[in-house]
Amino acid sequence: MKRCFIFAAGTFFGLRLRPAGGDLVIAADAGYRACRRTGLEPDLILGDFDSMDPPEEERVLRLPVEKDDTDTLAAVRMGLERGCGEFHIYGGTGGRRMDHTLANLQTLLFLRRHGARGYLYDDDFVWTVIENETLRVEKTVEWGLLSAFCLGDRAEGVDEEGLQYPLRDAVLTPDFPVGVSNHILDAEAVVTVRRGALAVGWELPPIC
């Protein structure tokens, strides 16, 4: 499966996975700086460049300031157009703009509904979205955290197995964060939602 690596302008907590041959690397606006710090040359640099001046390169796609898509979502659309099915988003959390963190969590749902899966990296944490499906998460941190939040009006038929606080056929709603800060006990945690969508995040080992 072709992968897309997107560098956004939020806080960069380090590279978890390096692109390989055939992968697409996109720098969204000031995410270009983080991309270059990793030693990567992006295939495309796009954005409205309200966070930095655009570099003088042919790979630059300048977007209008007044638009519906965030720069990150525009990068996601570009990755989908180029046949990518797996997205790794760095610099999509933190920074000074919580609104962009929330927007990027919604972008994960956008990806899932377009047949792809996205991973949004935070500080020793990663997020993805599942809808009407099951997710298996390998335990890589002892007593590692896992959280699950409803995206939408309600998420029904939720099971959480291999965790300190298991759930069986539960209903999660957006007005009560019952899924926050669980702990993975087994070698693998299994999260299922039969009807609806969940944002699921789990702890990762520190980058050495």
Protein backbone atom coordinates (compact mmCIF):
# COMPACT_ATOMS: atom_id res chain seq x y z
CA MET A 1 0.00 0.00 0.00
CA LYS A 2 1.37 3.41 -0.98
CA ARG A 3 1.96 5.64 2.01
CA CYS A 4 1.78 9.40 2.39
CA PHE A 5 3.82 11.27 4.99
CA ILE A 6 2.50 14.74 5.81
CA PHE A 7 4.39 17.32 7.87
CA ALA A 8 2.12 20.03 9.28
CA ALA A 9 2.99 23.23 11.12
CA GLY A 10 2.15 22.12 14.67
CA THR A 11 4.58 20.66 17.21
CA PHE A 12 6.97 18.06 15.80
CA PHE A 13 7.74 15.35 18.38
CA GLY A 14 10.11 13.28 16.24
CA LEU A 15 9.88 10.87 13.34
CA ARG A 16 8.43 7.47 14.18
CA LEU A 17 8.57 5.91 10.73
CA ARG A 18 10.70 6.91 7.76
CA PRO A 19 9.38 7.01 4.22
CA ALA A 20 10.64 4.39 1.81
CA GLY A 21 10.85 4.26 -1.98
CA GLY A 22 7.49 4.93 -3.59
CA ASP A 23 6.07 6.79 -0.58
CA LEU A 24 4.80 10.36 -1.00
CA VAL A 25 6.15 13.11 1.28
CA ILE A 26 4.21 16.38 1.54
CA ALA A 27 5.16 19.43 3.59
CA ALA A 28 2.17 21.59 4.54
CA ASP A 29 3.19 25.22 5.02
CA ALA A 30 5.68 25.57 7.93
CA GLY A 31 5.74 21.79 8.27
CA TYR A 32 8.47 22.15 5.66
CA ARG A 33 10.90 23.08 8.46
CA ALA A 34 10.23 19.87 10.41
CA CYS A 35 10.46 17.84 7.23
CA ARG A 36 13.89 19.25 6.47
CA ARG A 37 15.05 18.67 10.08
CA THR A 38 14.50 14.96 9.53
CA GLY A 39 16.72 15.06 6.45
CA LEU A 40 13.78 14.47 4.11
CA GLU A 41 13.17 16.31 0.86
CA PRO A 42 9.42 16.61 0.29
CA ASP A 43 7.91 15.67 -3.04
CA LEU A 44 5.50 18.59 -2.69
CA ILE A 45 5.33 21.74 -0.55
CA LEU A 46 1.85 23.26 -0.32
CA GLY A 47 -0.07 25.77 1.75
CA ASP A 48 -1.27 29.34 1.98
CA PHE A 49 2.08 30.17 3.63
CA ASP A 50 0.70 32.20 6.48
CA SER A 51 3.28 30.53 8.77
CA MET A 52 6.38 30.99 6.62
CA ASP A 53 7.48 32.39 3.29
CA PRO A 54 7.25 29.83 0.50
CA PRO A 55 10.60 28.39 -0.55
CA GLU A 56 11.77 29.22 -4.04
CA GLU A 57 11.25 25.77 -5.51
CA GLU A 58 9.28 24.27 -8.36
CA ARG A 59 7.65 21.78 -5.98
CA VAL A 60 5.63 24.56 -4.29
CA LEU A 61 1.85 24.64 -4.67
CA ARG A 62 0.50 27.90 -3.27
CA LEU A 63 -3.06 27.71 -1.94
CA PRO A 64 -5.43 30.65 -1.35
CA VAL A 65 -5.74 31.93 2.21
CA GLU A 66 -9.55 31.96 1.94
CA LYS A 67 -10.46 28.29 1.47
CA ASP A 68 -12.49 25.55 3.14
CA ASP A 69 -9.64 23.04 3.57
CA THR A 70 -6.87 23.41 6.10
CA ASP A 71 -3.40 23.03 4.61
CA THR A 72 -3.24 19.56 6.16
CA LEU A 73 -6.54 18.50 4.62
CA ALA A 74 -5.37 19.83 1.26
CA ALA A 75 -2.27 17.63 1.63
CA VAL A 76 -4.50 14.66 2.48
CA ARG A 77 -6.59 15.23 -0.64
CA MET A 78 -3.43 15.34 -2.71
CA GLY A 79 -2.27 12.04 -1.21
CA LEU A 80 -5.60 10.40 -1.99
CA GLU A 81 -5.47 11.67 -5.57
CA ARG A 82 -2.05 10.05 -5.93
CA GLY A 83 -3.27 6.67 -4.75
CA CYS A 84 -2.11 6.61 -1.13
CA GLY A 85 -4.00 4.39 1.30
CA GLU A 86 -2.03 4.97 4.52
CA PHE A 87 -1.24 8.42 5.93
CA HIS A 88 1.23 9.39 8.65
CA ILE A 89 0.70 12.96 9.87
CA TYR A 90 3.42 14.72 11.89
CA GLY A 91 3.09 18.20 13.38
CA GLY A 92 -0.70 17.90 13.40
CA THR A 93 -1.08 18.45 17.16
CA GLY A 94 0.30 20.83 19.77
CA GLY A 95 1.49 24.23 18.69
CA ARG A 96 -0.58 27.27 19.60
CA ARG A 97 -3.75 26.15 17.84
CA MET A 98 -5.99 23.58 19.50
CA ASP A 99 -8.49 24.15 16.70
CA HIS A 100 -6.06 22.60 14.23
CA THR A 101 -5.61 19.56 16.47
CA LEU A 102 -9.38 19.06 16.47
CA ALA A 103 -9.51 19.63 12.72
CA ASN A 104 -6.84 16.97 12.20
CA LEU A 105 -8.76 14.44 14.30
CA GLN A 106 -11.73 15.06 12.02
CA THR A 107 -9.41 14.66 9.04
CA LEU A 108 -8.69 11.12 10.25
CA LEU A 109 -12.41 10.38 9.88
CA PHE A 110 -12.36 11.98 6.42
CA LEU A 111 -9.59 9.58 5.47
CA ARG A 112 -11.42 6.54 6.82
CA ARG A 113 -14.53 7.44 4.85
CA HIS A 114 -12.42 7.69 1.72
CA GLY A 115 -11.05 4.17 2.11
CA ALA A 116 -7.73 5.10 3.73
CA ARG A 117 -6.33 5.08 7.24
CA GLY A 118 -4.51 7.93 8.91
CA TYR A 119 -2.22 8.12 11.92
CA LEU A 120 -1.80 11.41 13.77
CA TYR A 121 1.33 11.57 15.92
CA ASP A 122 1.44 13.46 19.22
CA ASP A 123 3.98 13.40 22.06
CA ASP A 124 4.65 9.63 22.47
CA PHE A 125 1.05 9.03 21.39
CA VAL A 126 -0.68 8.21 18.10
CA TRP A 127 -4.31 8.57 17.01
CA THR A 128 -6.41 6.90 14.35
CA VAL A 129 -10.14 6.62 13.61
CA ILE A 130 -12.24 3.51 13.23
CA GLU A 131 -15.81 3.26 11.93
CA ASN A 132 -17.97 0.11 12.06
CA GLU A 133 -14.87 -2.05 12.49
CA THR A 134 -12.26 -3.54 14.84
CA LEU A 135 -8.81 -2.19 15.66
CA ARG A 136 -6.00 -4.25 17.22
CA VAL A 137 -3.30 -2.37 19.13
CA GLU A 138 -0.07 -4.06 20.14
CA LYS A 139 1.16 -3.22 23.65
CA THR A 140 4.58 -1.57 23.32
CA VAL A 141 4.56 0.32 26.65
CA GLU A 142 4.00 -1.40 30.00
CA TRP A 143 0.80 0.01 31.54
CA GLY A 144 0.48 2.06 28.35
CA LEU A 145 -2.51 4.32 27.94
CA LEU A 146 -5.32 3.92 25.43
CA SER A 147 -8.24 6.32 24.97
CA ALA A 148 -11.32 6.16 22.75
CA PHE A 149 -13.75 9.00 22.03
CA CYS A 150 -16.98 9.10 20.09
CA LEU A 151 -16.90 11.03 16.82
CA GLY A 152 -20.50 11.83 16.06
CA ASP A 153 -23.81 11.60 17.91
CA ARG A 154 -23.16 8.15 19.38
CA ALA A 155 -21.07 5.03 18.90
CA GLU A 156 -22.89 1.76 19.59
CA GLY A 157 -21.76 -1.79 20.21
CA VAL A 158 -18.38 -0.78 21.59
CA ASP A 159 -16.12 -3.52 22.95
CA GLU A 160 -12.75 -2.92 24.58
CA GLU A 161 -10.72 -6.04 25.38
CA GLY A 162 -7.29 -6.53 26.91
CA LEU A 163 -7.60 -3.33 28.93
CA GLN A 164 -7.83 -2.44 32.61
CA TYR A 165 -11.45 -1.31 32.16
CA PRO A 166 -13.08 -3.56 29.55
CA LEU A 167 -16.30 -2.64 27.75
CA ARG A 168 -18.88 -4.93 26.22
CA ASP A 169 -21.58 -3.73 23.83
CA ALA A 170 -21.32 -0.22 25.30
CA VAL A 171 -22.61 3.07 23.93
CA LEU A 172 -20.21 6.02 23.81
CA THR A 173 -21.48 9.55 23.35
CA PRO A 174 -19.63 12.85 22.79
CA ASP A 175 -20.86 14.40 26.03
CA PHE A 176 -19.23 11.94 28.47
CA PRO A 177 -15.55 10.94 28.06
CA VAL A 178 -15.82 7.48 29.63
CA GLY A 179 -13.20 6.13 27.22
CA VAL A 180 -10.33 8.32 28.42
CA SER A 181 -7.10 6.95 29.98
CA ASN A 182 -7.56 3.21 29.96
CA HIS A 183 -4.49 0.95 30.28
CA ILE A 184 -3.41 -1.88 27.99
CA LEU A 185 -2.87 -5.06 30.04
CA ASP A 186 -2.66 -7.84 27.46
CA ALA A 187 -0.15 -8.20 24.65
CA GLU A 188 -2.83 -6.78 22.36
CA ALA A 189 -5.82 -4.52 22.96
CA VAL A 190 -8.88 -4.95 20.76
CA VAL A 191 -11.33 -2.10 20.20
CA THR A 192 -14.55 -2.68 18.25
CA VAL A 193 -17.33 -0.29 17.27
CA ARG A 194 -20.29 -1.83 15.45
CA ARG A 195 -22.16 1.37 14.61
CA GLY A 196 -20.43 4.72 14.61
CA ALA A 197 -16.95 6.18 14.70
CA LEU A 198 -14.27 6.37 17.39
CA ALA A 199 -11.04 8.31 17.67
CA VAL A 200 -8.61 5.87 19.29
CA GLY A 201 -5.24 6.91 20.65
CA TRP A 202 -2.55 4.92 22.40
CA GLU A 203 0.82 5.42 24.03
CA LEU A 204 4.07 4.80 22.17
CA PRO A 205 7.57 4.15 23.53
CA PRO A 206 9.73 7.28 23.86
CA ILE A 207 11.93 8.04 20.87
CA CYS A 208 15.50 7.28 21.85
